[in-house]
């Protein structure tokens, strides 16, 4: 996946693109987490982990999504 991402977006633009499209990426990942296929769930969890722990991520950005992430994560356990 990293190779595909690197082919599409240069390293110096990566943070900028993620910050611009954060909410869209989050929504797509969250849909996959709630899906039926375990492979998609696993990939979506890894993606959400990278989004949440990403560089320069602030509590302000995550606060509105925290409850949803927390409760869904408990359901996956």
Protein backbone atom coordinates (compact mmCIF):
# COMPACT_ATOMS: atom_id res chain seq x y z
CA UNK A 1 0.00 0.00 0.00
CA UNK A 2 2.87 2.34 0.79
CA UNK A 3 4.27 1.85 -2.72
CA UNK A 4 0.90 2.66 -4.28
CA UNK A 5 0.55 5.77 -2.12
CA UNK A 6 4.10 6.86 -3.00
CA UNK A 7 3.38 6.41 -6.70
CA UNK A 8 0.31 8.64 -6.50
CA UNK A 9 1.57 11.36 -4.17
CA UNK A 10 5.07 12.70 -3.63
CA UNK A 11 6.47 12.56 -0.10
CA UNK A 12 6.57 16.33 0.29
CA UNK A 13 2.86 16.62 -0.61
CA UNK A 14 1.65 13.71 1.55
CA UNK A 15 0.85 15.67 4.71
CA UNK A 16 -0.82 18.45 2.74
CA UNK A 17 -3.09 16.01 0.86
CA UNK A 18 -4.02 14.11 4.03
CA UNK A 19 -4.86 17.32 5.86
CA UNK A 20 -6.96 18.59 2.95
CA UNK A 21 -8.90 15.33 2.59
CA UNK A 22 -8.88 14.15 6.20
CA UNK A 23 -12.64 14.02 6.66
CA UNK A 24 -13.23 12.14 3.38
CA UNK A 25 -10.52 9.60 4.18
CA UNK A 26 -11.93 9.17 7.69
CA UNK A 27 -15.49 8.58 6.42
CA UNK A 28 -14.38 5.97 3.87
CA UNK A 29 -12.25 4.13 6.43
CA UNK A 30 -15.05 4.19 8.96
CA UNK A 31 -17.50 2.70 6.45
CA UNK A 32 -15.05 -0.14 5.84
CA UNK A 33 -14.58 -0.75 9.58
CA UNK A 34 -18.31 -1.38 9.88
CA UNK A 35 -18.37 -3.65 6.81
CA UNK A 36 -18.60 -7.43 6.59
CA UNK A 37 -15.24 -8.38 5.09
CA UNK A 38 -12.46 -8.85 7.61
CA UNK A 39 -9.73 -7.82 5.15
CA UNK A 40 -11.42 -4.48 4.63
CA UNK A 41 -11.90 -4.06 8.37
CA UNK A 42 -8.24 -4.77 9.02
CA UNK A 43 -7.06 -2.33 6.35
CA UNK A 44 -9.50 0.33 7.58
CA UNK A 45 -8.29 -0.04 11.17
CA UNK A 46 -4.70 0.43 10.04
CA UNK A 47 -5.73 3.46 8.02
CA UNK A 48 -7.61 4.98 10.96
CA UNK A 49 -4.61 4.34 13.18
CA UNK A 50 -2.37 6.22 10.76
CA UNK A 51 -4.89 9.06 10.52
CA UNK A 52 -5.34 9.45 14.26
CA UNK A 53 -1.65 9.14 15.09
CA UNK A 54 -0.54 11.14 12.06
CA UNK A 55 1.76 14.12 12.22
CA UNK A 56 0.33 17.37 13.51
CA UNK A 57 -3.01 15.79 14.44
CA UNK A 58 -4.70 17.86 17.15
CA UNK A 59 -7.39 17.07 19.68
CA UNK A 60 -9.62 19.68 17.99
CA UNK A 61 -9.66 17.59 14.81
CA UNK A 62 -10.33 14.33 16.65
CA UNK A 63 -12.69 15.47 19.37
CA UNK A 64 -15.88 15.28 17.31
CA UNK A 65 -15.00 11.75 16.15
CA UNK A 66 -13.64 10.38 19.42
CA UNK A 67 -16.85 8.81 20.74
CA UNK A 68 -17.57 7.08 17.43
CA UNK A 69 -14.01 5.75 17.16
CA UNK A 70 -13.96 4.55 20.76
CA UNK A 71 -17.32 2.75 20.69
CA UNK A 72 -16.67 1.13 17.31
CA UNK A 73 -13.22 0.00 18.45
CA UNK A 74 -14.77 -1.70 21.46
CA UNK A 75 -17.21 -3.47 19.15
CA UNK A 76 -14.35 -4.82 17.05
CA UNK A 77 -12.71 -6.43 20.07
